[in-house]
Amino acid sequence: MFRCNNIASDWATRIGVKPTQVQIRPMNTKWASISTSGRMTLSSELLSLPKELGEFVIVHELVHLLVPNHGKVFKSFMLAYMPDWEIREQQIQTYANKELSDKVDRRSNPKNKARE
């Protein structure tokens, strides 16, 4: 577990961007988002991720304050700030797929329904 706000602040300083607000709340379909005005919303599920995966999500969103899309320039910034970003991206996708699979298993397994 890690402190999202501290990490977001540290990375924002390193990248040279200034998010206007950082909030943590439950999100159902994504890890985070950032508005063009700089409001960053982080999923509360990030708090349970390994630090390096949560850090990847935060850096990804902060880089969007420099580049709004996922093109070559975005990837160049990601590489500059987090050289292993592609590995972390794969790891978080694997983690998300496992979590989704576990949720489906719990819902479809009759033995687990009695516990819910």
PDB file of N, CA and C in Angstrom:
ATOM      1  N   MET A   1       0.847  -1.180   0.000  1.00  0.00           N
ATOM      2  CA  MET A   1       0.000   0.000   0.000  1.00  0.00           C
ATOM      3  C   MET A   1       0.895   1.246   0.000  1.00  0.00           C
ATOM      4  N   PHE A   2       0.444   2.277  -0.615  1.00  0.00           N
ATOM      5  CA  PHE A   2       1.245   3.498  -0.690  1.00  0.00           C
ATOM      6  C   PHE A   2       0.348   4.719  -0.630  1.00  0.00           C
ATOM      7  N   ARG A   3       0.954   5.856  -0.490  1.00  0.00           N
ATOM      8  CA  ARG A   3       0.210   7.115  -0.383  1.00  0.00           C
ATOM      9  C   ARG A   3       0.169   7.790  -1.752  1.00  0.00           C
ATOM     10  N   CYS A   4      -0.976   7.723  -2.399  1.00  0.00           N
ATOM     11  CA  CYS A   4      -1.147   8.265  -3.748  1.00  0.00           C
ATOM     12  C   CYS A   4      -0.842   9.758  -3.824  1.00  0.00           C
ATOM     13  N   ASN A   5      -1.340  10.522  -2.873  1.00  0.00           N
ATOM     14  CA  ASN A   5      -1.158  11.977  -2.930  1.00  0.00           C
ATOM     15  C   ASN A   5       0.308  12.372  -2.874  1.00  0.00           C
ATOM     16  N   ASN A   6       1.079  11.733  -1.991  1.00  0.00           N
ATOM     17  CA  ASN A   6       2.504  12.041  -1.894  1.00  0.00           C
ATOM     18  C   ASN A   6       3.233  11.687  -3.179  1.00  0.00           C
ATOM     19  N   ILE A   7       2.932  10.532  -3.715  1.00  0.00           N
ATOM     20  CA  ILE A   7       3.587  10.097  -4.947  1.00  0.00           C
ATOM     21  C   ILE A   7       3.182  11.002  -6.103  1.00  0.00           C
ATOM     22  N   ALA A   8       1.920  11.356  -6.185  1.00  0.00           N
ATOM     23  CA  ALA A   8       1.454  12.245  -7.255  1.00  0.00           C
ATOM     24  C   ALA A   8       2.172  13.591  -7.178  1.00  0.00           C
ATOM     25  N   SER A   9       2.312  14.115  -5.984  1.00  0.00           N
ATOM     26  CA  SER A   9       2.990  15.400  -5.799  1.00  0.00           C
ATOM     27  C   SER A   9       4.469  15.313  -6.189  1.00  0.00           C
ATOM     28  N   ASP A  10       5.128  14.248  -5.755  1.00  0.00           N
ATOM     29  CA  ASP A  10       6.549  14.061  -6.081  1.00  0.00           C
ATOM     30  C   ASP A  10       6.759  13.942  -7.592  1.00  0.00           C
ATOM     31  N   TRP A  11       5.921  13.134  -8.233  1.00  0.00           N
ATOM     32  CA  TRP A  11       6.066  12.950  -9.680  1.00  0.00           C
ATOM     33  C   TRP A  11       5.686  14.211 -10.453  1.00  0.00           C
ATOM     34  N   ALA A  12       4.692  14.924  -9.996  1.00  0.00           N
ATOM     35  CA  ALA A  12       4.312  16.173 -10.673  1.00  0.00           C
ATOM     36  C   ALA A  12       5.483  17.149 -10.672  1.00  0.00           C
ATOM     37  N   THR A  13       6.184  17.212  -9.558  1.00  0.00           N
ATOM     38  CA  THR A  13       7.363  18.078  -9.469  1.00  0.00           C
ATOM     39  C   THR A  13       8.444  17.620 -10.433  1.00  0.00           C
ATOM     40  N   ARG A  14       8.696  16.321 -10.478  1.00  0.00           N
ATOM     41  CA  ARG A  14       9.728  15.778 -11.377  1.00  0.00           C
ATOM     42  C   ARG A  14       9.396  16.032 -12.842  1.00  0.00           C
ATOM     43  N   ILE A  15       8.122  15.883 -13.184  1.00  0.00           N
ATOM     44  CA  ILE A  15       7.693  16.037 -14.574  1.00  0.00           C
ATOM     45  C   ILE A  15       7.533  17.520 -14.934  1.00  0.00           C
ATOM     46  N   GLY A  16       7.292  18.340 -13.940  1.00  0.00           N
ATOM     47  CA  GLY A  16       7.125  19.769 -14.186  1.00  0.00           C
ATOM     48  C   GLY A  16       5.712  20.163 -14.534  1.00  0.00           C
ATOM     49  N   VAL A  17       4.748  19.435 -13.986  1.00  0.00           N
ATOM     50  CA  VAL A  17       3.341  19.744 -14.206  1.00  0.00           C
ATOM     51  C   VAL A  17       2.689  20.030 -12.861  1.00  0.00           C
ATOM     52  N   LYS A  18       1.522  20.652 -12.905  1.00  0.00           N
ATOM     53  CA  LYS A  18       0.823  21.003 -11.669  1.00  0.00           C
ATOM     54  C   LYS A  18      -0.641  20.602 -11.761  1.00  0.00           C
ATOM     55  N   PRO A  19      -0.962  19.406 -11.268  1.00  0.00           N
ATOM     56  CA  PRO A  19      -2.386  19.060 -11.242  1.00  0.00           C
ATOM     57  C   PRO A  19      -3.106  20.011 -10.293  1.00  0.00           C
ATOM     58  N   THR A  20      -4.305  20.410 -10.652  1.00  0.00           N
ATOM     59  CA  THR A  20      -5.049  21.357  -9.827  1.00  0.00           C
ATOM     60  C   THR A  20      -5.664  20.685  -8.607  1.00  0.00           C
ATOM     61  N   GLN A  21      -5.922  19.388  -8.730  1.00  0.00           N
ATOM     62  CA  GLN A  21      -6.543  18.647  -7.638  1.00  0.00           C
ATOM     63  C   GLN A  21      -6.232  17.172  -7.819  1.00  0.00           C
ATOM     64  N   VAL A  22      -6.026  16.466  -6.711  1.00  0.00           N
ATOM     65  CA  VAL A  22      -5.869  15.021  -6.748  1.00  0.00           C
ATOM     66  C   VAL A  22      -6.901  14.444  -5.786  1.00  0.00           C
ATOM     67  N   GLN A  23      -7.760  13.599  -6.327  1.00  0.00           N
ATOM     68  CA  GLN A  23      -8.776  12.976  -5.484  1.00  0.00           C
ATOM     69  C   GLN A  23      -8.737  11.466  -5.654  1.00  0.00           C
ATOM     70  N   ILE A  24      -9.128  10.773  -4.614  1.00  0.00           N
ATOM     71  CA  ILE A  24      -9.178   9.315  -4.620  1.00  0.00           C
ATOM     72  C   ILE A  24     -10.621   8.914  -4.349  1.00  0.00           C
ATOM     73  N   ARG A  25     -11.148   8.063  -5.231  1.00  0.00           N
ATOM     74  CA  ARG A  25     -12.527   7.587  -5.059  1.00  0.00           C
ATOM     75  C   ARG A  25     -12.679   6.257  -5.791  1.00  0.00           C
ATOM     76  N   PRO A  26     -13.714   5.510  -5.464  1.00  0.00           N
ATOM     77  CA  PRO A  26     -13.958   4.262  -6.196  1.00  0.00           C
ATOM     78  C   PRO A  26     -14.215   4.551  -7.676  1.00  0.00           C
ATOM     79  N   MET A  27     -13.616   3.772  -8.529  1.00  0.00           N
ATOM     80  CA  MET A  27     -13.847   3.868  -9.969  1.00  0.00           C
ATOM     81  C   MET A  27     -14.064   2.450 -10.479  1.00  0.00           C
ATOM     82  N   ASN A  28     -15.076   2.250 -11.284  1.00  0.00           N
ATOM     83  CA  ASN A  28     -15.419   0.896 -11.725  1.00  0.00           C
ATOM     84  C   ASN A  28     -14.684   0.424 -12.963  1.00  0.00           C
ATOM     85  N   THR A  29     -14.351   1.338 -13.859  1.00  0.00           N
ATOM     86  CA  THR A  29     -13.849   0.885 -15.156  1.00  0.00           C
ATOM     87  C   THR A  29     -12.420   1.299 -15.475  1.00  0.00           C
ATOM     88  N   LYS A  30     -11.795   2.127 -14.643  1.00  0.00           N
ATOM     89  CA  LYS A  30     -10.420   2.525 -14.934  1.00  0.00           C
ATOM     90  C   LYS A  30      -9.667   2.818 -13.655  1.00  0.00           C
ATOM     91  N   TRP A  31      -8.358   2.864 -13.787  1.00  0.00           N
ATOM     92  CA  TRP A  31      -7.488   3.116 -12.638  1.00  0.00           C
ATOM     93  C   TRP A  31      -7.436   4.598 -12.282  1.00  0.00           C
ATOM     94  N   ALA A  32      -7.562   5.455 -13.280  1.00  0.00           N
ATOM     95  CA  ALA A  32      -7.424   6.885 -13.038  1.00  0.00           C
ATOM     96  C   ALA A  32      -7.888   7.660 -14.256  1.00  0.00           C
ATOM     97  N   SER A  33      -8.033   8.980 -14.049  1.00  0.00           N
ATOM     98  CA  SER A  33      -8.302   9.880 -15.167  1.00  0.00           C
ATOM     99  C   SER A  33      -7.764  11.249 -14.787  1.00  0.00           C
ATOM    100  N   ILE A  34      -7.567  12.086 -15.812  1.00  0.00           N
ATOM    101  CA  ILE A  34      -7.141  13.456 -15.563  1.00  0.00           C
ATOM    102  C   ILE A  34      -7.846  14.353 -16.573  1.00  0.00           C
ATOM    103  N   SER A  35      -8.354  15.466 -16.089  1.00  0.00           N
ATOM    104  CA  SER A  35      -9.058  16.398 -16.971  1.00  0.00           C
ATOM    105  C   SER A  35      -8.062  17.369 -17.584  1.00  0.00           C
ATOM    106  N   THR A  36      -8.488  18.058 -18.607  1.00  0.00           N
ATOM    107  CA  THR A  36      -7.614  19.056 -19.237  1.00  0.00           C
ATOM    108  C   THR A  36      -7.315  20.206 -18.291  1.00  0.00           C
ATOM    109  N   SER A  37      -8.159  20.398 -17.282  1.00  0.00           N
ATOM    110  CA  SER A  37      -7.900  21.452 -16.293  1.00  0.00           C
ATOM    111  C   SER A  37      -6.934  20.983 -15.202  1.00  0.00           C
ATOM    112  N   GLY A  38      -6.579  19.692 -15.229  1.00  0.00           N
ATOM    113  CA  GLY A  38      -5.590  19.179 -14.284  1.00  0.00           C
ATOM    114  C   GLY A  38      -6.150  18.459 -13.077  1.00  0.00           C
ATOM    115  N   ARG A  39      -7.437  18.174 -13.052  1.00  0.00           N
ATOM    116  CA  ARG A  39      -8.019  17.434 -11.933  1.00  0.00           C
ATOM    117  C   ARG A  39      -7.780  15.941 -12.139  1.00  0.00           C
ATOM    118  N   MET A  40      -6.980  15.346 -11.252  1.00  0.00           N
ATOM    119  CA  MET A  40      -6.651  13.923 -11.355  1.00  0.00           C
ATOM    120  C   MET A  40      -7.509  13.138 -10.370  1.00  0.00           C
ATOM    121  N   THR A  41      -8.166  12.109 -10.896  1.00  0.00           N
ATOM    122  CA  THR A  41      -8.969  11.212 -10.073  1.00  0.00           C
ATOM    123  C   THR A  41      -8.306   9.846 -10.118  1.00  0.00           C
ATOM    124  N   LEU A  42      -8.010   9.315  -8.937  1.00  0.00           N
ATOM    125  CA  LEU A  42      -7.349   8.016  -8.815  1.00  0.00           C
ATOM    126  C   LEU A  42      -8.314   7.030  -8.181  1.00  0.00           C
ATOM    127  N   SER A  43      -8.324   5.820  -8.696  1.00  0.00           N
ATOM    128  CA  SER A  43      -9.168   4.783  -8.131  1.00  0.00           C
ATOM    129  C   SER A  43      -8.671   4.414  -6.740  1.00  0.00           C
ATOM    130  N   SER A  44      -9.586   4.237  -5.820  1.00  0.00           N
ATOM    131  CA  SER A  44      -9.205   3.818  -4.472  1.00  0.00           C
ATOM    132  C   SER A  44      -8.551   2.439  -4.481  1.00  0.00           C
ATOM    133  N   GLU A  45      -8.770   1.656  -5.536  1.00  0.00           N
ATOM    134  CA  GLU A  45      -8.124   0.348  -5.641  1.00  0.00           C
ATOM    135  C   GLU A  45      -6.603   0.460  -5.795  1.00  0.00           C
ATOM    136  N   LEU A  46      -6.125   1.628  -6.222  1.00  0.00           N
ATOM    137  CA  LEU A  46      -4.676   1.817  -6.339  1.00  0.00           C
ATOM    138  C   LEU A  46      -3.979   1.647  -5.002  1.00  0.00           C
ATOM    139  N   LEU A  47      -4.687   1.933  -3.928  1.00  0.00           N
ATOM    140  CA  LEU A  47      -4.099   1.842  -2.593  1.00  0.00           C
ATOM    141  C   LEU A  47      -3.663   0.420  -2.247  1.00  0.00           C
ATOM    142  N   SER A  48      -4.270  -0.564  -2.909  1.00  0.00           N
ATOM    143  CA  SER A  48      -3.922  -1.954  -2.618  1.00  0.00           C
ATOM    144  C   SER A  48      -2.933  -2.551  -3.622  1.00  0.00           C
ATOM    145  N   LEU A  49      -2.560  -1.777  -4.632  1.00  0.00           N
ATOM    146  CA  LEU A  49      -1.604  -2.257  -5.626  1.00  0.00           C
ATOM    147  C   LEU A  49      -0.171  -2.142  -5.113  1.00  0.00           C
ATOM    148  N   PRO A  50       0.734  -2.936  -5.676  1.00  0.00           N
ATOM    149  CA  PRO A  50       2.157  -2.710  -5.387  1.00  0.00           C
ATOM    150  C   PRO A  50       2.535  -1.290  -5.820  1.00  0.00           C
ATOM    151  N   LYS A  51       3.444  -0.684  -5.084  1.00  0.00           N
ATOM    152  CA  LYS A  51       3.819   0.711  -5.315  1.00  0.00           C
ATOM    153  C   LYS A  51       4.193   0.992  -6.765  1.00  0.00           C
ATOM    154  N   GLU A  52       4.971   0.114  -7.387  1.00  0.00           N
ATOM    155  CA  GLU A  52       5.437   0.388  -8.750  1.00  0.00           C
ATOM    156  C   GLU A  52       4.302   0.430  -9.764  1.00  0.00           C
ATOM    157  N   LEU A  53       3.213  -0.294  -9.495  1.00  0.00           N
ATOM    158  CA  LEU A  53       2.071  -0.264 -10.417  1.00  0.00           C
ATOM    159  C   LEU A  53       1.237   0.998 -10.206  1.00  0.00           C
ATOM    160  N   GLY A  54       1.029   1.363  -8.957  1.00  0.00           N
ATOM    161  CA  GLY A  54       0.322   2.606  -8.680  1.00  0.00           C
ATOM    162  C   GLY A  54       1.077   3.814  -9.208  1.00  0.00           C
ATOM    163  N   GLU A  55       2.392   3.749  -9.074  1.00  0.00           N
ATOM    164  CA  GLU A  55       3.242   4.824  -9.568  1.00  0.00           C
ATOM    165  C   GLU A  55       3.120   4.956 -11.087  1.00  0.00           C
ATOM    166  N   PHE A  56       3.065   3.831 -11.782  1.00  0.00           N
ATOM    167  CA  PHE A  56       2.886   3.853 -13.234  1.00  0.00           C
ATOM    168  C   PHE A  56       1.598   4.584 -13.609  1.00  0.00           C
ATOM    169  N   VAL A  57       0.502   4.275 -12.923  1.00  0.00           N
ATOM    170  CA  VAL A  57      -0.788   4.902 -13.221  1.00  0.00           C
ATOM    171  C   VAL A  57      -0.691   6.412 -13.027  1.00  0.00           C
ATOM    172  N   ILE A  58      -0.071   6.820 -11.945  1.00  0.00           N
ATOM    173  CA  ILE A  58       0.056   8.249 -11.642  1.00  0.00           C
ATOM    174  C   ILE A  58       0.895   8.961 -12.684  1.00  0.00           C
ATOM    175  N   VAL A  59       2.037   8.385 -13.037  1.00  0.00           N
ATOM    176  CA  VAL A  59       2.909   9.000 -14.049  1.00  0.00           C
ATOM    177  C   VAL A  59       2.177   9.073 -15.385  1.00  0.00           C
ATOM    178  N   HIS A  60       1.499   8.010 -15.748  1.00  0.00           N
ATOM    179  CA  HIS A  60       0.732   7.979 -16.998  1.00  0.00           C
ATOM    180  C   HIS A  60      -0.232   9.168 -17.050  1.00  0.00           C
ATOM    181  N   GLU A  61      -0.983   9.368 -15.983  1.00  0.00           N
ATOM    182  CA  GLU A  61      -1.955  10.470 -15.977  1.00  0.00           C
ATOM    183  C   GLU A  61      -1.266  11.828 -15.999  1.00  0.00           C
ATOM    184  N   LEU A  62      -0.199  11.991 -15.250  1.00  0.00           N
ATOM    185  CA  LEU A  62       0.505  13.279 -15.226  1.00  0.00           C
ATOM    186  C   LEU A  62       1.111  13.618 -16.583  1.00  0.00           C
ATOM    187  N   VAL A  63       1.595  12.627 -17.299  1.00  0.00           N
ATOM    188  CA  VAL A  63       2.159  12.872 -18.635  1.00  0.00           C
ATOM    189  C   VAL A  63       1.073  13.382 -19.583  1.00  0.00           C
ATOM    190  N   HIS A  64      -0.173  13.028 -19.308  1.00  0.00           N
ATOM    191  CA  HIS A  64      -1.267  13.558 -20.135  1.00  0.00           C
ATOM    192  C   HIS A  64      -1.403  15.082 -20.002  1.00  0.00           C
ATOM    193  N   LEU A  65      -0.849  15.664 -18.963  1.00  0.00           N
ATOM    194  CA  LEU A  65      -0.853  17.124 -18.877  1.00  0.00           C
ATOM    195  C   LEU A  65       0.146  17.733 -19.854  1.00  0.00           C
ATOM    196  N   LEU A  66       1.083  16.920 -20.329  1.00  0.00           N
ATOM    197  CA  LEU A  66       2.041  17.349 -21.361  1.00  0.00           C
ATOM    198  C   LEU A  66       1.548  16.992 -22.760  1.00  0.00           C
ATOM    199  N   VAL A  67       0.953  15.807 -22.866  1.00  0.00           N
ATOM    200  CA  VAL A  67       0.502  15.274 -24.163  1.00  0.00           C
ATOM    201  C   VAL A  67      -0.866  14.623 -23.948  1.00  0.00           C
ATOM    202  N   PRO A  68      -1.904  15.089 -24.637  1.00  0.00           N
ATOM    203  CA  PRO A  68      -3.249  14.584 -24.366  1.00  0.00           C
ATOM    204  C   PRO A  68      -3.571  13.199 -24.942  1.00  0.00           C
ATOM    205  N   ASN A  69      -2.718  12.678 -25.817  1.00  0.00           N
ATOM    206  CA  ASN A  69      -3.027  11.389 -26.449  1.00  0.00           C
ATOM    207  C   ASN A  69      -1.966  10.348 -26.084  1.00  0.00           C
ATOM    208  N   HIS A  70      -2.029   9.184 -26.719  1.00  0.00           N
ATOM    209  CA  HIS A  70      -1.082   8.105 -26.459  1.00  0.00           C
ATOM    210  C   HIS A  70      -0.125   7.886 -27.629  1.00  0.00           C
ATOM    211  N   GLY A  71       0.171   8.923 -28.367  1.00  0.00           N
ATOM    212  CA  GLY A  71       1.038   8.818 -29.541  1.00  0.00           C
ATOM    213  C   GLY A  71       2.514   8.713 -29.193  1.00  0.00           C
ATOM    214  N   LYS A  72       3.347   8.921 -30.215  1.00  0.00           N
ATOM    215  CA  LYS A  72       4.795   8.768 -30.064  1.00  0.00           C
ATOM    216  C   LYS A  72       5.386   9.719 -29.031  1.00  0.00           C
ATOM    217  N   VAL A  73       4.913  10.945 -29.001  1.00  0.00           N
ATOM    218  CA  VAL A  73       5.445  11.924 -28.047  1.00  0.00           C
ATOM    219  C   VAL A  73       5.109  11.498 -26.620  1.00  0.00           C
ATOM    220  N   PHE A  74       3.880  11.040 -26.412  1.00  0.00           N
ATOM    221  CA  PHE A  74       3.481  10.538 -25.100  1.00  0.00           C
ATOM    222  C   PHE A  74       4.404   9.401 -24.670  1.00  0.00           C
ATOM    223  N   LYS A  75       4.611   8.448 -25.552  1.00  0.00           N
ATOM    224  CA  LYS A  75       5.458   7.291 -25.233  1.00  0.00           C
ATOM    225  C   LYS A  75       6.900   7.714 -24.973  1.00  0.00           C
ATOM    226  N   SER A  76       7.372   8.732 -25.674  1.00  0.00           N
ATOM    227  CA  SER A  76       8.723   9.248 -25.441  1.00  0.00           C
ATOM    228  C   SER A  76       8.846   9.848 -24.042  1.00  0.00           C
ATOM    229  N   PHE A  77       7.829  10.597 -23.622  1.00  0.00           N
ATOM    230  CA  PHE A  77       7.843  11.148 -22.264  1.00  0.00           C
ATOM    231  C   PHE A  77       7.792  10.024 -21.228  1.00  0.00           C
ATOM    232  N   MET A  78       6.947   9.052 -21.459  1.00  0.00           N
ATOM    233  CA  MET A  78       6.857   7.927 -20.518  1.00  0.00           C
ATOM    234  C   MET A  78       8.211   7.236 -20.392  1.00  0.00           C
ATOM    235  N   LEU A  79       8.866   7.009 -21.511  1.00  0.00           N
ATOM    236  CA  LEU A  79      10.178   6.366 -21.503  1.00  0.00           C
ATOM    237  C   LEU A  79      11.207   7.213 -20.766  1.00  0.00           C
ATOM    238  N   ALA A  80      11.143   8.518 -20.945  1.00  0.00           N
ATOM    239  CA  ALA A  80      12.089   9.415 -20.283  1.00  0.00           C
ATOM    240  C   ALA A  80      11.898   9.417 -18.767  1.00  0.00           C
ATOM    241  N   TYR A  81      10.661   9.419 -18.315  1.00  0.00           N
ATOM    242  CA  TYR A  81      10.396   9.498 -16.882  1.00  0.00           C
ATOM    243  C   TYR A  81      10.352   8.142 -16.196  1.00  0.00           C
ATOM    244  N   MET A  82       9.968   7.108 -16.944  1.00  0.00           N
ATOM    245  CA  MET A  82       9.824   5.786 -16.356  1.00  0.00           C
ATOM    246  C   MET A  82      10.258   4.758 -17.406  1.00  0.00           C
ATOM    247  N   PRO A  83      11.562   4.507 -17.487  1.00  0.00           N
ATOM    248  CA  PRO A  83      12.087   3.635 -18.555  1.00  0.00           C
ATOM    249  C   PRO A  83      11.438   2.253 -18.642  1.00  0.00           C
ATOM    250  N   ASP A  84      10.933   1.734 -17.539  1.00  0.00           N
ATOM    251  CA  ASP A  84      10.310   0.406 -17.560  1.00  0.00           C
ATOM    252  C   ASP A  84       8.777   0.479 -17.619  1.00  0.00           C
ATOM    253  N   TRP A  85       8.254   1.590 -18.136  1.00  0.00           N
ATOM    254  CA  TRP A  85       6.807   1.800 -18.124  1.00  0.00           C
ATOM    255  C   TRP A  85       6.034   0.712 -18.862  1.00  0.00           C
ATOM    256  N   GLU A  86       6.597   0.170 -19.945  1.00  0.00           N
ATOM    257  CA  GLU A  86       5.865  -0.853 -20.711  1.00  0.00           C
ATOM    258  C   GLU A  86       5.725  -2.149 -19.914  1.00  0.00           C
ATOM    259  N   ILE A  87       6.735  -2.474 -19.134  1.00  0.00           N
ATOM    260  CA  ILE A  87       6.666  -3.662 -18.278  1.00  0.00           C
ATOM    261  C   ILE A  87       5.607  -3.447 -17.205  1.00  0.00           C
ATOM    262  N   ARG A  88       5.612  -2.264 -16.598  1.00  0.00           N
ATOM    263  CA  ARG A  88       4.612  -1.954 -15.564  1.00  0.00           C
ATOM    264  C   ARG A  88       3.201  -1.960 -16.146  1.00  0.00           C
ATOM    265  N   GLU A  89       3.071  -1.465 -17.365  1.00  0.00           N
ATOM    266  CA  GLU A  89       1.755  -1.466 -18.008  1.00  0.00           C
ATOM    267  C   GLU A  89       1.257  -2.902 -18.194  1.00  0.00           C
ATOM    268  N   GLN A  90       2.144  -3.788 -18.632  1.00  0.00           N
ATOM    269  CA  GLN A  90       1.760  -5.196 -18.779  1.00  0.00           C
ATOM    270  C   GLN A  90       1.396  -5.812 -17.431  1.00  0.00           C
ATOM    271  N   GLN A  91       2.157  -5.468 -16.404  1.00  0.00           N
ATOM    272  CA  GLN A  91       1.890  -6.015 -15.072  1.00  0.00           C
ATOM    273  C   GLN A  91       0.537  -5.569 -14.540  1.00  0.00           C
ATOM    274  N   ILE A  92       0.201  -4.316 -14.745  1.00  0.00           N
ATOM    275  CA  ILE A  92      -1.090  -3.843 -14.227  1.00  0.00           C
ATOM    276  C   ILE A  92      -2.240  -4.433 -15.033  1.00  0.00           C
ATOM    277  N   GLN A  93      -2.035  -4.674 -16.314  1.00  0.00           N
ATOM    278  CA  GLN A  93      -3.078  -5.326 -17.111  1.00  0.00           C
ATOM    279  C   GLN A  93      -3.271  -6.769 -16.649  1.00  0.00           C
ATOM    280  N   THR A  94      -2.177  -7.456 -16.362  1.00  0.00           N
ATOM    281  CA  THR A  94      -2.255  -8.820 -15.839  1.00  0.00           C
ATOM    282  C   THR A  94      -2.980  -8.824 -14.503  1.00  0.00           C
ATOM    283  N   TYR A  95      -2.638  -7.876 -13.645  1.00  0.00           N
ATOM    284  CA  TYR A  95      -3.283  -7.752 -12.342  1.00  0.00           C
ATOM    285  C   TYR A  95      -4.783  -7.514 -12.510  1.00  0.00           C
ATOM    286  N   ALA A  96      -5.148  -6.595 -13.381  1.00  0.00           N
ATOM    287  CA  ALA A  96      -6.561  -6.277 -13.609  1.00  0.00           C
ATOM    288  C   ALA A  96      -7.310  -7.488 -14.153  1.00  0.00           C
ATOM    289  N   ASN A  97      -6.706  -8.211 -15.081  1.00  0.00           N
ATOM    290  CA  ASN A  97      -7.354  -9.395 -15.645  1.00  0.00           C
ATOM    291  C   ASN A  97      -7.562 -10.468 -14.583  1.00  0.00           C
ATOM    292  N   LYS A  98      -6.583 -10.627 -13.690  1.00  0.00           N
ATOM    293  CA  LYS A  98      -6.710 -11.604 -12.614  1.00  0.00           C
ATOM    294  C   LYS A  98      -7.825 -11.194 -11.653  1.00  0.00           C
ATOM    295  N   GLU A  99      -7.874  -9.930 -11.294  1.00  0.00           N
ATOM    296  CA  GLU A  99      -8.922  -9.440 -10.397  1.00  0.00           C
ATOM    297  C   GLU A  99     -10.301  -9.653 -11.011  1.00  0.00           C
ATOM    298  N   LEU A 100     -10.433  -9.352 -12.298  1.00  0.00           N
ATOM    299  CA  LEU A 100     -11.714  -9.533 -12.977  1.00  0.00           C
ATOM    300  C   LEU A 100     -12.099 -11.009 -12.989  1.00  0.00           C
ATOM    301  N   SER A 101     -11.137 -11.866 -13.290  1.00  0.00           N
ATOM    302  CA  SER A 101     -11.385 -13.301 -13.314  1.00  0.00           C
ATOM    303  C   SER A 101     -11.812 -13.799 -11.934  1.00  0.00           C
ATOM    304  N   ASP A 102     -11.148 -13.315 -10.886  1.00  0.00           N
ATOM    305  CA  ASP A 102     -11.509 -13.710  -9.524  1.00  0.00           C
ATOM    306  C   ASP A 102     -12.932 -13.277  -9.181  1.00  0.00           C
ATOM    307  N   LYS A 103     -13.326 -12.072  -9.603  1.00  0.00           N
ATOM    308  CA  LYS A 103     -14.679 -11.587  -9.329  1.00  0.00           C
ATOM    309  C   LYS A 103     -15.712 -12.446 -10.040  1.00  0.00           C
ATOM    310  N   VAL A 104     -15.434 -12.802 -11.291  1.00  0.00           N
ATOM    311  CA  VAL A 104     -16.356 -13.645 -12.054  1.00  0.00           C
ATOM    312  C   VAL A 104     -16.451 -15.018 -11.403  1.00  0.00           C
ATOM    313  N   ASP A 105     -15.307 -15.577 -10.984  1.00  0.00           N
ATOM    314  CA  ASP A 105     -15.310 -16.885 -10.327  1.00  0.00           C
ATOM    315  C   ASP A 105     -16.146 -16.863  -9.050  1.00  0.00           C
ATOM    316  N   ARG A 106     -16.009 -15.796  -8.260  1.00  0.00           N
ATOM    317  CA  ARG A 106     -16.771 -15.702  -7.009  1.00  0.00           C
ATOM    318  C   ARG A 106     -18.270 -15.629  -7.293  1.00  0.00           C
ATOM    319  N   ARG A 107     -18.634 -14.964  -8.373  1.00  0.00           N
ATOM    320  CA  ARG A 107     -20.059 -14.824  -8.696  1.00  0.00           C
ATOM    321  C   ARG A 107     -20.652 -16.111  -9.263  1.00  0.00           C
ATOM    322  N   SER A 108     -19.858 -16.863  -9.998  1.00  0.00           N
ATOM    323  CA  SER A 108     -20.395 -18.025 -10.679  1.00  0.00           C
ATOM    324  C   SER A 108     -20.225 -19.319  -9.880  1.00  0.00           C
ATOM    325  N   ASN A 109     -19.407 -19.318  -8.834  1.00  0.00           N
ATOM    326  CA  ASN A 109     -19.163 -20.519  -8.048  1.00  0.00           C
ATOM    327  C   ASN A 109     -20.207 -20.579  -6.925  1.00  0.00           C
ATOM    328  N   PRO A 110     -21.113 -21.579  -6.956  1.00  0.00           N
ATOM    329  CA  PRO A 110     -22.174 -21.675  -5.962  1.00  0.00           C
ATOM    330  C   PRO A 110     -21.653 -21.769  -4.523  1.00  0.00           C
ATOM    331  N   LYS A 111     -20.494 -22.361  -4.315  1.00  0.00           N
ATOM    332  CA  LYS A 111     -19.945 -22.484  -2.962  1.00  0.00           C
ATOM    333  C   LYS A 111     -19.654 -21.117  -2.371  1.00  0.00           C
ATOM    334  N   ASN A 112     -19.254 -20.167  -3.209  1.00  0.00           N
ATOM    335  CA  ASN A 112     -18.912 -18.832  -2.736  1.00  0.00           C
ATOM    336  C   ASN A 112     -20.146 -17.954  -2.505  1.00  0.00           C
ATOM    337  N   LYS A 113     -21.272 -18.298  -3.124  1.00  0.00           N
ATOM    338  CA  LYS A 113     -22.458 -17.470  -2.991  1.00  0.00           C
ATOM    339  C   LYS A 113     -22.966 -17.447  -1.539  1.00  0.00           C
ATOM    340  N   ALA A 114     -22.776 -18.549  -0.835  1.00  0.00           N
ATOM    341  CA  ALA A 114     -23.230 -18.611   0.552  1.00  0.00           C
ATOM    342  C   ALA A 114     -22.425 -17.638   1.426  1.00  0.00           C
ATOM    343  N   ARG A 115     -21.196 -17.348   1.048  1.00  0.00           N
ATOM    344  CA  ARG A 115     -20.337 -16.461   1.828  1.00  0.00           C
ATOM    345  C   ARG A 115     -20.658 -15.000   1.581  1.00  0.00           C
ATOM    346  N   GLU A 116     -21.255 -14.674   0.451  1.00  0.00           N
ATOM    347  CA  GLU A 116     -21.487 -13.262   0.099  1.00  0.00           C
ATOM    348  C   GLU A 116     -22.671 -12.676   0.812  1.00  0.00           C
TER     349      GLU A 116
END
